[in-house]
N, C-alpha and C. Protein backbone atom coordinates (compact mmCIF):
# COMPACT_ATOMS: atom_id res chain seq x y z
N MET A 1 -42.94 -52.08 78.32
CA MET A 1 -42.45 -52.54 77.03
C MET A 1 -43.23 -51.84 75.91
N LYS A 2 -42.52 -51.40 74.90
CA LYS A 2 -43.14 -50.76 73.73
C LYS A 2 -43.93 -51.80 72.96
N LYS A 3 -45.02 -51.34 72.33
CA LYS A 3 -45.87 -52.24 71.54
C LYS A 3 -46.10 -51.64 70.16
N VAL A 4 -45.92 -52.49 69.15
CA VAL A 4 -46.12 -52.09 67.75
C VAL A 4 -47.13 -53.03 67.12
N SER A 5 -48.08 -52.46 66.39
CA SER A 5 -49.04 -53.25 65.63
C SER A 5 -48.68 -53.15 64.15
N VAL A 6 -48.38 -54.30 63.54
CA VAL A 6 -48.10 -54.37 62.11
C VAL A 6 -49.38 -54.86 61.45
N ILE A 7 -49.96 -54.02 60.61
CA ILE A 7 -51.26 -54.30 60.03
C ILE A 7 -51.08 -54.93 58.65
N LEU A 8 -51.66 -56.12 58.48
CA LEU A 8 -51.48 -56.89 57.25
C LEU A 8 -52.79 -57.08 56.49
N ALA A 9 -52.67 -56.96 55.18
CA ALA A 9 -53.80 -57.19 54.27
C ALA A 9 -53.32 -58.12 53.17
N ASP A 10 -54.23 -58.89 52.59
CA ASP A 10 -53.86 -59.74 51.46
C ASP A 10 -53.13 -58.90 50.41
N GLY A 11 -52.01 -59.44 49.93
CA GLY A 11 -51.21 -58.74 48.94
C GLY A 11 -50.10 -57.89 49.55
N PHE A 12 -49.81 -58.07 50.86
CA PHE A 12 -48.74 -57.31 51.50
C PHE A 12 -47.38 -57.80 51.01
N GLU A 13 -46.39 -56.94 51.08
CA GLU A 13 -45.02 -57.29 50.70
C GLU A 13 -44.38 -57.99 51.88
N GLU A 14 -44.09 -59.26 51.71
CA GLU A 14 -43.63 -60.11 52.81
C GLU A 14 -42.33 -59.61 53.45
N VAL A 15 -41.34 -59.26 52.65
CA VAL A 15 -40.05 -58.83 53.21
C VAL A 15 -40.23 -57.59 54.07
N GLU A 16 -41.01 -56.64 53.60
CA GLU A 16 -41.21 -55.40 54.35
C GLU A 16 -41.88 -55.66 55.69
N ALA A 17 -42.89 -56.51 55.70
CA ALA A 17 -43.61 -56.79 56.94
C ALA A 17 -42.79 -57.65 57.89
N LEU A 18 -42.25 -58.74 57.38
CA LEU A 18 -41.60 -59.71 58.27
C LEU A 18 -40.24 -59.25 58.76
N THR A 19 -39.55 -58.41 58.00
CA THR A 19 -38.30 -57.83 58.49
C THR A 19 -38.58 -56.95 59.71
N VAL A 20 -39.63 -56.15 59.62
CA VAL A 20 -40.01 -55.31 60.76
C VAL A 20 -40.36 -56.18 61.96
N VAL A 21 -41.21 -57.18 61.76
CA VAL A 21 -41.62 -58.05 62.87
C VAL A 21 -40.40 -58.70 63.50
N ASP A 22 -39.55 -59.30 62.69
CA ASP A 22 -38.38 -60.02 63.18
C ASP A 22 -37.43 -59.11 63.96
N LEU A 23 -37.01 -58.00 63.36
CA LEU A 23 -36.01 -57.16 64.02
C LEU A 23 -36.56 -56.47 65.26
N LEU A 24 -37.81 -56.04 65.24
CA LEU A 24 -38.37 -55.43 66.44
C LEU A 24 -38.47 -56.45 67.58
N ARG A 25 -38.82 -57.67 67.26
CA ARG A 25 -38.87 -58.69 68.30
C ARG A 25 -37.48 -58.99 68.85
N ARG A 26 -36.46 -58.98 68.01
CA ARG A 26 -35.09 -59.16 68.48
C ARG A 26 -34.72 -58.04 69.45
N ALA A 27 -35.31 -56.86 69.26
CA ALA A 27 -35.04 -55.70 70.12
C ALA A 27 -35.94 -55.69 71.35
N THR A 28 -36.63 -56.79 71.60
CA THR A 28 -37.58 -56.96 72.72
C THR A 28 -38.68 -55.90 72.72
N ILE A 29 -39.13 -55.57 71.52
CA ILE A 29 -40.31 -54.72 71.36
C ILE A 29 -41.47 -55.67 71.06
N TYR A 30 -42.58 -55.51 71.77
CA TYR A 30 -43.73 -56.39 71.55
C TYR A 30 -44.36 -56.03 70.20
N VAL A 31 -44.45 -57.01 69.32
CA VAL A 31 -45.04 -56.80 68.00
C VAL A 31 -46.27 -57.68 67.87
N ASP A 32 -47.38 -57.06 67.50
CA ASP A 32 -48.63 -57.75 67.26
C ASP A 32 -48.91 -57.70 65.76
N THR A 33 -49.01 -58.86 65.12
CA THR A 33 -49.39 -58.88 63.72
C THR A 33 -50.92 -58.92 63.66
N VAL A 34 -51.48 -58.03 62.84
CA VAL A 34 -52.92 -57.81 62.83
C VAL A 34 -53.46 -57.98 61.41
N SER A 35 -54.43 -58.87 61.25
CA SER A 35 -55.06 -59.11 59.96
C SER A 35 -56.29 -58.23 59.80
N ILE A 36 -56.39 -57.57 58.64
CA ILE A 36 -57.64 -56.84 58.35
C ILE A 36 -58.60 -57.72 57.54
N MET A 37 -58.17 -58.93 57.25
CA MET A 37 -59.00 -59.86 56.50
C MET A 37 -59.97 -60.53 57.48
N GLU A 38 -60.81 -61.39 56.99
CA GLU A 38 -61.76 -62.09 57.87
C GLU A 38 -61.16 -63.35 58.45
N ASP A 39 -59.85 -63.51 58.29
CA ASP A 39 -59.15 -64.71 58.73
C ASP A 39 -57.81 -64.31 59.32
N TYR A 40 -57.28 -65.14 60.20
CA TYR A 40 -55.97 -64.89 60.78
C TYR A 40 -54.84 -65.10 59.77
N THR A 41 -55.10 -65.86 58.72
CA THR A 41 -54.10 -66.09 57.69
C THR A 41 -54.21 -65.01 56.63
N VAL A 42 -53.09 -64.33 56.40
CA VAL A 42 -53.04 -63.26 55.40
C VAL A 42 -52.10 -63.72 54.29
N HIS A 43 -52.50 -63.49 53.06
CA HIS A 43 -51.77 -63.98 51.89
C HIS A 43 -50.87 -62.88 51.33
N GLY A 44 -49.56 -63.15 51.35
CA GLY A 44 -48.60 -62.18 50.85
C GLY A 44 -48.63 -62.06 49.34
N ALA A 45 -48.02 -60.99 48.84
CA ALA A 45 -47.99 -60.70 47.41
C ALA A 45 -47.24 -61.76 46.61
N HIS A 46 -46.35 -62.51 47.28
CA HIS A 46 -45.54 -63.50 46.57
C HIS A 46 -45.81 -64.92 47.05
N GLY A 47 -47.03 -65.14 47.51
CA GLY A 47 -47.47 -66.49 47.84
C GLY A 47 -47.06 -67.00 49.21
N ILE A 48 -46.55 -66.11 50.07
CA ILE A 48 -46.20 -66.52 51.43
C ILE A 48 -47.35 -66.15 52.35
N ASN A 49 -47.95 -67.15 52.97
CA ASN A 49 -49.06 -66.91 53.88
C ASN A 49 -48.52 -66.73 55.29
N VAL A 50 -49.10 -65.78 56.01
CA VAL A 50 -48.66 -65.47 57.37
C VAL A 50 -49.84 -65.60 58.32
N GLN A 51 -49.61 -66.30 59.41
CA GLN A 51 -50.61 -66.44 60.47
C GLN A 51 -50.44 -65.28 61.44
N THR A 52 -51.46 -64.44 61.59
CA THR A 52 -51.37 -63.29 62.49
C THR A 52 -51.83 -63.67 63.89
N GLU A 53 -51.47 -62.82 64.85
CA GLU A 53 -51.92 -63.03 66.23
C GLU A 53 -53.38 -62.59 66.42
N ASP A 54 -53.76 -61.53 65.71
CA ASP A 54 -55.08 -60.95 65.96
C ASP A 54 -55.78 -60.54 64.67
N LEU A 55 -57.09 -60.49 64.75
CA LEU A 55 -57.90 -59.84 63.72
C LEU A 55 -58.03 -58.37 64.12
N PHE A 56 -58.22 -57.51 63.15
CA PHE A 56 -58.29 -56.07 63.38
C PHE A 56 -59.28 -55.72 64.50
N GLU A 57 -60.44 -56.35 64.45
CA GLU A 57 -61.52 -56.03 65.40
C GLU A 57 -61.17 -56.42 66.84
N GLU A 58 -60.17 -57.28 67.01
CA GLU A 58 -59.78 -57.75 68.35
C GLU A 58 -58.76 -56.85 69.04
N VAL A 59 -58.23 -55.87 68.31
CA VAL A 59 -57.11 -55.09 68.83
C VAL A 59 -57.58 -53.77 69.42
N ASN A 60 -57.05 -53.46 70.61
CA ASN A 60 -57.24 -52.15 71.21
C ASN A 60 -55.99 -51.33 70.87
N PHE A 61 -56.06 -50.54 69.82
CA PHE A 61 -54.90 -49.83 69.33
C PHE A 61 -54.41 -48.75 70.29
N VAL A 62 -55.22 -48.39 71.27
CA VAL A 62 -54.79 -47.43 72.28
C VAL A 62 -53.54 -47.95 72.99
N GLU A 63 -53.40 -49.27 73.08
CA GLU A 63 -52.27 -49.88 73.76
C GLU A 63 -51.00 -49.87 72.92
N SER A 64 -51.09 -49.53 71.65
CA SER A 64 -49.93 -49.55 70.75
C SER A 64 -49.22 -48.21 70.75
N ASP A 65 -47.88 -48.28 70.72
CA ASP A 65 -47.06 -47.07 70.62
C ASP A 65 -46.84 -46.68 69.17
N MET A 66 -46.99 -47.66 68.27
CA MET A 66 -46.73 -47.42 66.85
C MET A 66 -47.56 -48.40 66.03
N ILE A 67 -47.98 -47.94 64.85
CA ILE A 67 -48.55 -48.85 63.86
C ILE A 67 -47.62 -48.83 62.65
N VAL A 68 -47.55 -49.96 61.96
CA VAL A 68 -46.72 -50.06 60.76
C VAL A 68 -47.58 -50.61 59.63
N LEU A 69 -47.47 -49.94 58.48
CA LEU A 69 -48.17 -50.35 57.27
C LEU A 69 -47.14 -50.81 56.25
N PRO A 70 -47.07 -52.12 55.97
CA PRO A 70 -46.18 -52.59 54.90
C PRO A 70 -46.78 -52.24 53.55
N GLY A 71 -45.92 -52.19 52.54
CA GLY A 71 -46.41 -51.94 51.18
C GLY A 71 -46.80 -53.23 50.50
N GLY A 72 -46.62 -53.23 49.19
CA GLY A 72 -47.02 -54.37 48.38
C GLY A 72 -48.35 -54.10 47.72
N MET A 73 -48.57 -54.81 46.62
CA MET A 73 -49.83 -54.68 45.89
C MET A 73 -50.44 -56.04 45.70
N PRO A 74 -51.73 -56.17 45.94
CA PRO A 74 -52.67 -55.10 46.25
C PRO A 74 -52.80 -54.79 47.75
N GLY A 75 -51.83 -55.22 48.55
CA GLY A 75 -51.91 -55.01 50.00
C GLY A 75 -52.15 -53.56 50.39
N THR A 76 -51.42 -52.64 49.75
CA THR A 76 -51.58 -51.22 50.08
C THR A 76 -53.00 -50.76 49.77
N LYS A 77 -53.52 -51.17 48.63
CA LYS A 77 -54.90 -50.78 48.26
C LYS A 77 -55.90 -51.38 49.25
N ASN A 78 -55.65 -52.59 49.70
CA ASN A 78 -56.55 -53.22 50.68
C ASN A 78 -56.51 -52.49 52.02
N LEU A 79 -55.31 -52.05 52.43
CA LEU A 79 -55.22 -51.27 53.67
C LEU A 79 -56.01 -49.97 53.54
N GLU A 80 -55.82 -49.29 52.42
CA GLU A 80 -56.49 -48.00 52.22
C GLU A 80 -58.01 -48.14 52.15
N ALA A 81 -58.50 -49.24 51.61
CA ALA A 81 -59.94 -49.44 51.48
C ALA A 81 -60.61 -49.78 52.81
N HIS A 82 -59.85 -50.10 53.83
CA HIS A 82 -60.38 -50.54 55.13
C HIS A 82 -60.65 -49.32 56.01
N ALA A 83 -61.92 -49.04 56.28
CA ALA A 83 -62.30 -47.86 57.08
C ALA A 83 -61.65 -47.88 58.45
N GLY A 84 -61.52 -49.05 59.06
CA GLY A 84 -60.90 -49.14 60.38
C GLY A 84 -59.44 -48.75 60.35
N VAL A 85 -58.73 -49.15 59.32
CA VAL A 85 -57.31 -48.76 59.18
C VAL A 85 -57.21 -47.25 59.06
N ARG A 86 -58.04 -46.66 58.23
CA ARG A 86 -58.01 -45.19 58.07
C ARG A 86 -58.32 -44.50 59.39
N ARG A 87 -59.27 -45.02 60.14
CA ARG A 87 -59.63 -44.44 61.44
C ARG A 87 -58.46 -44.51 62.41
N VAL A 88 -57.80 -45.66 62.48
CA VAL A 88 -56.67 -45.84 63.40
C VAL A 88 -55.50 -44.95 62.98
N VAL A 89 -55.20 -44.90 61.68
CA VAL A 89 -54.11 -44.05 61.19
C VAL A 89 -54.38 -42.59 61.57
N LYS A 90 -55.60 -42.14 61.34
CA LYS A 90 -55.97 -40.75 61.66
C LYS A 90 -55.84 -40.50 63.16
N GLY A 91 -56.28 -41.44 63.97
CA GLY A 91 -56.17 -41.30 65.42
C GLY A 91 -54.72 -41.21 65.87
N PHE A 92 -53.86 -42.07 65.33
CA PHE A 92 -52.43 -42.03 65.67
C PHE A 92 -51.84 -40.69 65.24
N TYR A 93 -52.17 -40.25 64.05
CA TYR A 93 -51.65 -38.98 63.55
C TYR A 93 -52.07 -37.83 64.46
N ASP A 94 -53.35 -37.77 64.79
CA ASP A 94 -53.88 -36.69 65.62
C ASP A 94 -53.26 -36.68 67.01
N GLU A 95 -52.95 -37.87 67.54
CA GLU A 95 -52.37 -37.98 68.88
C GLU A 95 -50.85 -37.86 68.89
N GLY A 96 -50.25 -37.76 67.71
CA GLY A 96 -48.80 -37.67 67.64
C GLY A 96 -48.10 -38.99 67.90
N LYS A 97 -48.85 -40.09 67.80
CA LYS A 97 -48.24 -41.42 67.97
C LYS A 97 -47.53 -41.82 66.69
N LYS A 98 -46.59 -42.72 66.79
CA LYS A 98 -45.72 -43.09 65.68
C LYS A 98 -46.46 -43.93 64.63
N ILE A 99 -46.18 -43.59 63.35
CA ILE A 99 -46.73 -44.31 62.21
C ILE A 99 -45.57 -44.64 61.28
N GLY A 100 -45.41 -45.92 60.96
CA GLY A 100 -44.41 -46.35 60.00
C GLY A 100 -45.11 -46.83 58.74
N ALA A 101 -44.56 -46.45 57.58
CA ALA A 101 -45.13 -46.89 56.31
C ALA A 101 -43.99 -47.04 55.31
N ILE A 102 -44.00 -48.15 54.58
CA ILE A 102 -42.91 -48.45 53.66
C ILE A 102 -43.46 -48.76 52.27
N CYS A 103 -42.65 -48.44 51.24
CA CYS A 103 -42.94 -48.78 49.86
C CYS A 103 -44.12 -47.96 49.34
N ALA A 104 -45.21 -48.59 48.97
CA ALA A 104 -46.40 -47.88 48.49
C ALA A 104 -47.31 -47.44 49.63
N ALA A 105 -47.11 -47.98 50.83
CA ALA A 105 -48.02 -47.68 51.96
C ALA A 105 -48.08 -46.21 52.34
N PRO A 106 -47.04 -45.38 52.12
CA PRO A 106 -47.24 -43.95 52.41
C PRO A 106 -48.38 -43.32 51.61
N THR A 107 -48.80 -43.95 50.51
CA THR A 107 -49.94 -43.41 49.76
C THR A 107 -51.21 -43.42 50.60
N VAL A 108 -51.32 -44.38 51.53
CA VAL A 108 -52.50 -44.43 52.41
C VAL A 108 -52.57 -43.13 53.20
N LEU A 109 -51.44 -42.72 53.78
CA LEU A 109 -51.39 -41.48 54.55
C LEU A 109 -51.56 -40.27 53.64
N GLY A 110 -50.92 -40.31 52.47
CA GLY A 110 -51.01 -39.20 51.53
C GLY A 110 -52.42 -38.95 51.05
N ASN A 111 -53.14 -40.03 50.75
CA ASN A 111 -54.51 -39.88 50.27
C ASN A 111 -55.46 -39.42 51.37
N MET A 112 -55.01 -39.50 52.61
CA MET A 112 -55.79 -38.96 53.74
C MET A 112 -55.41 -37.51 54.03
N GLY A 113 -54.45 -36.96 53.26
CA GLY A 113 -54.01 -35.58 53.46
C GLY A 113 -53.05 -35.40 54.62
N LEU A 114 -52.45 -36.49 55.11
CA LEU A 114 -51.60 -36.41 56.30
C LEU A 114 -50.13 -36.12 55.99
N LEU A 115 -49.77 -36.07 54.71
CA LEU A 115 -48.35 -35.89 54.38
C LEU A 115 -48.04 -34.53 53.76
N LYS A 116 -49.00 -33.62 53.74
CA LYS A 116 -48.75 -32.30 53.17
C LYS A 116 -47.62 -31.60 53.94
N GLY A 117 -46.58 -31.22 53.19
CA GLY A 117 -45.44 -30.54 53.80
C GLY A 117 -44.48 -31.44 54.55
N LYS A 118 -44.76 -32.73 54.59
CA LYS A 118 -43.90 -33.69 55.31
C LYS A 118 -42.82 -34.22 54.38
N ARG A 119 -41.64 -34.46 54.93
CA ARG A 119 -40.57 -35.13 54.20
C ARG A 119 -40.81 -36.63 54.31
N ILE A 120 -40.77 -37.33 53.17
CA ILE A 120 -41.04 -38.77 53.17
C ILE A 120 -40.15 -39.51 52.19
N SER A 121 -40.12 -40.81 52.36
CA SER A 121 -39.56 -41.74 51.38
C SER A 121 -40.67 -42.69 50.99
N CYS A 122 -40.66 -43.15 49.74
CA CYS A 122 -41.66 -44.12 49.28
C CYS A 122 -41.13 -44.80 48.02
N TYR A 123 -41.86 -45.77 47.57
CA TYR A 123 -41.48 -46.48 46.34
C TYR A 123 -41.50 -45.48 45.18
N PRO A 124 -40.46 -45.48 44.35
CA PRO A 124 -40.36 -44.47 43.30
C PRO A 124 -41.60 -44.31 42.41
N SER A 125 -42.26 -45.40 42.07
CA SER A 125 -43.40 -45.30 41.14
C SER A 125 -44.63 -44.65 41.77
N VAL A 126 -44.67 -44.48 43.09
CA VAL A 126 -45.84 -43.84 43.71
C VAL A 126 -45.55 -42.41 44.17
N GLU A 127 -44.33 -41.92 43.93
CA GLU A 127 -43.97 -40.58 44.38
C GLU A 127 -44.95 -39.51 43.89
N LYS A 128 -45.35 -39.61 42.63
CA LYS A 128 -46.24 -38.59 42.05
C LYS A 128 -47.66 -38.67 42.60
N GLU A 129 -48.02 -39.80 43.21
CA GLU A 129 -49.36 -39.96 43.78
C GLU A 129 -49.52 -39.25 45.12
N ILE A 130 -48.41 -38.90 45.75
CA ILE A 130 -48.48 -38.33 47.10
C ILE A 130 -48.34 -36.81 46.99
N GLN A 131 -49.48 -36.16 46.89
CA GLN A 131 -49.53 -34.71 46.68
C GLN A 131 -49.14 -33.96 47.96
N GLY A 132 -48.28 -32.97 47.78
CA GLY A 132 -47.94 -32.08 48.89
C GLY A 132 -46.79 -32.54 49.76
N ALA A 133 -46.32 -33.77 49.57
CA ALA A 133 -45.19 -34.27 50.35
C ALA A 133 -43.88 -33.88 49.68
N VAL A 134 -42.83 -33.82 50.47
CA VAL A 134 -41.49 -33.55 49.96
C VAL A 134 -40.76 -34.89 49.93
N ILE A 135 -40.44 -35.38 48.75
CA ILE A 135 -39.78 -36.68 48.61
C ILE A 135 -38.30 -36.50 48.92
N SER A 136 -37.82 -37.17 49.95
CA SER A 136 -36.44 -36.98 50.41
C SER A 136 -35.42 -37.72 49.56
N GLY A 137 -35.83 -38.84 48.97
CA GLY A 137 -34.90 -39.67 48.22
C GLY A 137 -34.07 -40.60 49.09
N GLY A 138 -34.15 -40.44 50.40
CA GLY A 138 -33.41 -41.29 51.32
C GLY A 138 -34.07 -42.65 51.48
N SER A 139 -33.30 -43.62 51.99
CA SER A 139 -33.87 -44.95 52.19
C SER A 139 -34.94 -44.94 53.29
N VAL A 140 -34.74 -44.12 54.30
CA VAL A 140 -35.70 -43.96 55.39
C VAL A 140 -35.75 -42.48 55.74
N THR A 141 -36.95 -41.97 55.99
CA THR A 141 -37.12 -40.58 56.37
C THR A 141 -38.02 -40.50 57.60
N VAL A 142 -37.60 -39.69 58.56
CA VAL A 142 -38.41 -39.43 59.75
C VAL A 142 -38.80 -37.97 59.72
N ASP A 143 -40.09 -37.70 59.81
CA ASP A 143 -40.59 -36.34 59.93
C ASP A 143 -41.64 -36.33 61.02
N GLY A 144 -41.27 -35.84 62.17
CA GLY A 144 -42.18 -35.85 63.32
C GLY A 144 -42.48 -37.28 63.71
N ASN A 145 -43.74 -37.62 63.75
CA ASN A 145 -44.15 -38.96 64.18
C ASN A 145 -44.28 -39.95 63.02
N ILE A 146 -43.90 -39.54 61.82
CA ILE A 146 -44.06 -40.41 60.64
C ILE A 146 -42.68 -40.88 60.15
N ILE A 147 -42.56 -42.21 60.03
CA ILE A 147 -41.33 -42.84 59.54
C ILE A 147 -41.69 -43.57 58.25
N THR A 148 -41.02 -43.21 57.15
CA THR A 148 -41.33 -43.82 55.86
C THR A 148 -40.06 -44.39 55.23
N SER A 149 -40.25 -45.31 54.30
CA SER A 149 -39.12 -45.96 53.65
C SER A 149 -39.51 -46.36 52.23
N ARG A 150 -38.49 -46.67 51.41
CA ARG A 150 -38.68 -46.84 49.98
C ARG A 150 -39.19 -48.20 49.53
N GLY A 151 -38.77 -49.31 50.16
CA GLY A 151 -39.22 -50.61 49.67
C GLY A 151 -38.41 -51.77 50.21
N VAL A 152 -38.54 -52.91 49.56
CA VAL A 152 -37.91 -54.14 50.02
C VAL A 152 -36.42 -53.94 50.31
N GLY A 153 -35.71 -53.26 49.42
CA GLY A 153 -34.28 -53.07 49.59
C GLY A 153 -33.90 -52.20 50.78
N THR A 154 -34.87 -51.51 51.34
CA THR A 154 -34.61 -50.65 52.51
C THR A 154 -35.29 -51.17 53.77
N ALA A 155 -35.78 -52.39 53.73
CA ALA A 155 -36.56 -52.93 54.86
C ALA A 155 -35.73 -53.05 56.14
N ILE A 156 -34.46 -53.44 56.03
CA ILE A 156 -33.64 -53.53 57.25
C ILE A 156 -33.38 -52.14 57.81
N ASP A 157 -33.03 -51.19 56.94
CA ASP A 157 -32.84 -49.81 57.40
C ASP A 157 -34.10 -49.28 58.09
N PHE A 158 -35.24 -49.57 57.49
CA PHE A 158 -36.53 -49.14 58.04
C PHE A 158 -36.74 -49.74 59.43
N ALA A 159 -36.58 -51.05 59.55
CA ALA A 159 -36.79 -51.72 60.84
C ALA A 159 -35.82 -51.18 61.89
N LEU A 160 -34.57 -50.97 61.52
CA LEU A 160 -33.60 -50.42 62.48
C LEU A 160 -33.97 -49.01 62.90
N LYS A 161 -34.50 -48.21 61.98
CA LYS A 161 -34.93 -46.85 62.34
C LYS A 161 -36.12 -46.91 63.29
N LEU A 162 -37.04 -47.86 63.08
CA LEU A 162 -38.17 -48.00 64.00
C LEU A 162 -37.65 -48.35 65.39
N ILE A 163 -36.66 -49.24 65.46
CA ILE A 163 -36.06 -49.61 66.75
C ILE A 163 -35.42 -48.38 67.38
N GLU A 164 -34.69 -47.62 66.58
CA GLU A 164 -34.05 -46.41 67.11
C GLU A 164 -35.08 -45.44 67.67
N VAL A 165 -36.17 -45.23 66.95
CA VAL A 165 -37.21 -44.30 67.37
C VAL A 165 -37.86 -44.77 68.68
N LEU A 166 -38.07 -46.08 68.80
CA LEU A 166 -38.75 -46.63 69.98
C LEU A 166 -37.83 -46.90 71.16
N SER A 167 -36.60 -47.35 70.88
CA SER A 167 -35.72 -47.82 71.96
C SER A 167 -34.34 -47.18 71.99
N GLY A 168 -34.08 -46.26 71.08
CA GLY A 168 -32.82 -45.54 71.09
C GLY A 168 -31.78 -46.09 70.12
N PRO A 169 -30.78 -45.25 69.80
CA PRO A 169 -29.76 -45.63 68.83
C PRO A 169 -28.88 -46.80 69.29
N ALA A 170 -28.63 -46.92 70.58
CA ALA A 170 -27.79 -48.03 71.06
C ALA A 170 -28.45 -49.37 70.78
N LYS A 171 -29.75 -49.47 70.98
CA LYS A 171 -30.47 -50.72 70.73
C LYS A 171 -30.47 -51.03 69.23
N ALA A 172 -30.68 -50.01 68.40
CA ALA A 172 -30.66 -50.22 66.94
C ALA A 172 -29.28 -50.71 66.51
N LYS A 173 -28.23 -50.13 67.05
CA LYS A 173 -26.86 -50.53 66.72
C LYS A 173 -26.61 -51.97 67.18
N GLU A 174 -27.09 -52.30 68.37
CA GLU A 174 -26.94 -53.67 68.90
C GLU A 174 -27.60 -54.69 67.96
N ILE A 175 -28.81 -54.39 67.51
CA ILE A 175 -29.52 -55.32 66.63
C ILE A 175 -28.82 -55.40 65.28
N ALA A 176 -28.37 -54.27 64.74
CA ALA A 176 -27.64 -54.28 63.46
C ALA A 176 -26.41 -55.17 63.57
N GLU A 177 -25.66 -55.02 64.65
CA GLU A 177 -24.46 -55.84 64.84
C GLU A 177 -24.80 -57.31 65.00
N SER A 178 -25.90 -57.60 65.68
CA SER A 178 -26.28 -59.00 65.92
C SER A 178 -26.66 -59.74 64.64
N ILE A 179 -27.10 -59.00 63.63
CA ILE A 179 -27.46 -59.63 62.35
C ILE A 179 -26.37 -59.40 61.29
N VAL A 180 -25.23 -58.91 61.74
CA VAL A 180 -24.08 -58.63 60.87
C VAL A 180 -24.48 -57.68 59.73
N TYR A 181 -25.17 -56.63 60.11
CA TYR A 181 -25.60 -55.61 59.15
C TYR A 181 -24.75 -54.36 59.34
N GLU A 182 -24.11 -53.95 58.30
CA GLU A 182 -23.27 -52.76 58.38
C GLU A 182 -24.09 -51.55 58.02
N THR A 183 -24.31 -50.68 59.01
CA THR A 183 -25.07 -49.47 58.76
C THR A 183 -24.19 -48.46 58.04
N LYS A 184 -24.84 -47.61 57.30
CA LYS A 184 -24.12 -46.61 56.49
C LYS A 184 -23.72 -45.43 57.32
């Protein structure tokens, strides 16, 4: 079974994170919610608190096939400030393992120099912050092992693309149909 770690920090965008968790679990992909805070409860940007399964220090990321970074503010800044998150992102990148980032979260990868020459999608207001990347303008963009998306309005498309990448287009189509989502 595929395993995905969704990394959460105080100030994360709830829709972006929980849409991914929900749809991947519907696709029978094991999803581990991981707090980088000192508590299992992580506080969303809009006052929704989420109880995670694990604290960052408890996770062996070698077992994960993909990591996902939700956006939101100050969640994205909190992710970027966490040395462990940067270490894991760099390790996944170097190993060619899958990395998903939505909204402002691609800035974490961009500020690490991992998006130079890569086609990406991100929240419009952070496009200029990501030096060297090619902004695709699409709702979701896949370039090699990196899957990026624009924001809350593209969260379902993003989650379905993650399912497609991990489990194939038939599974993504099945999940889209099960939630009565019409793909473009």
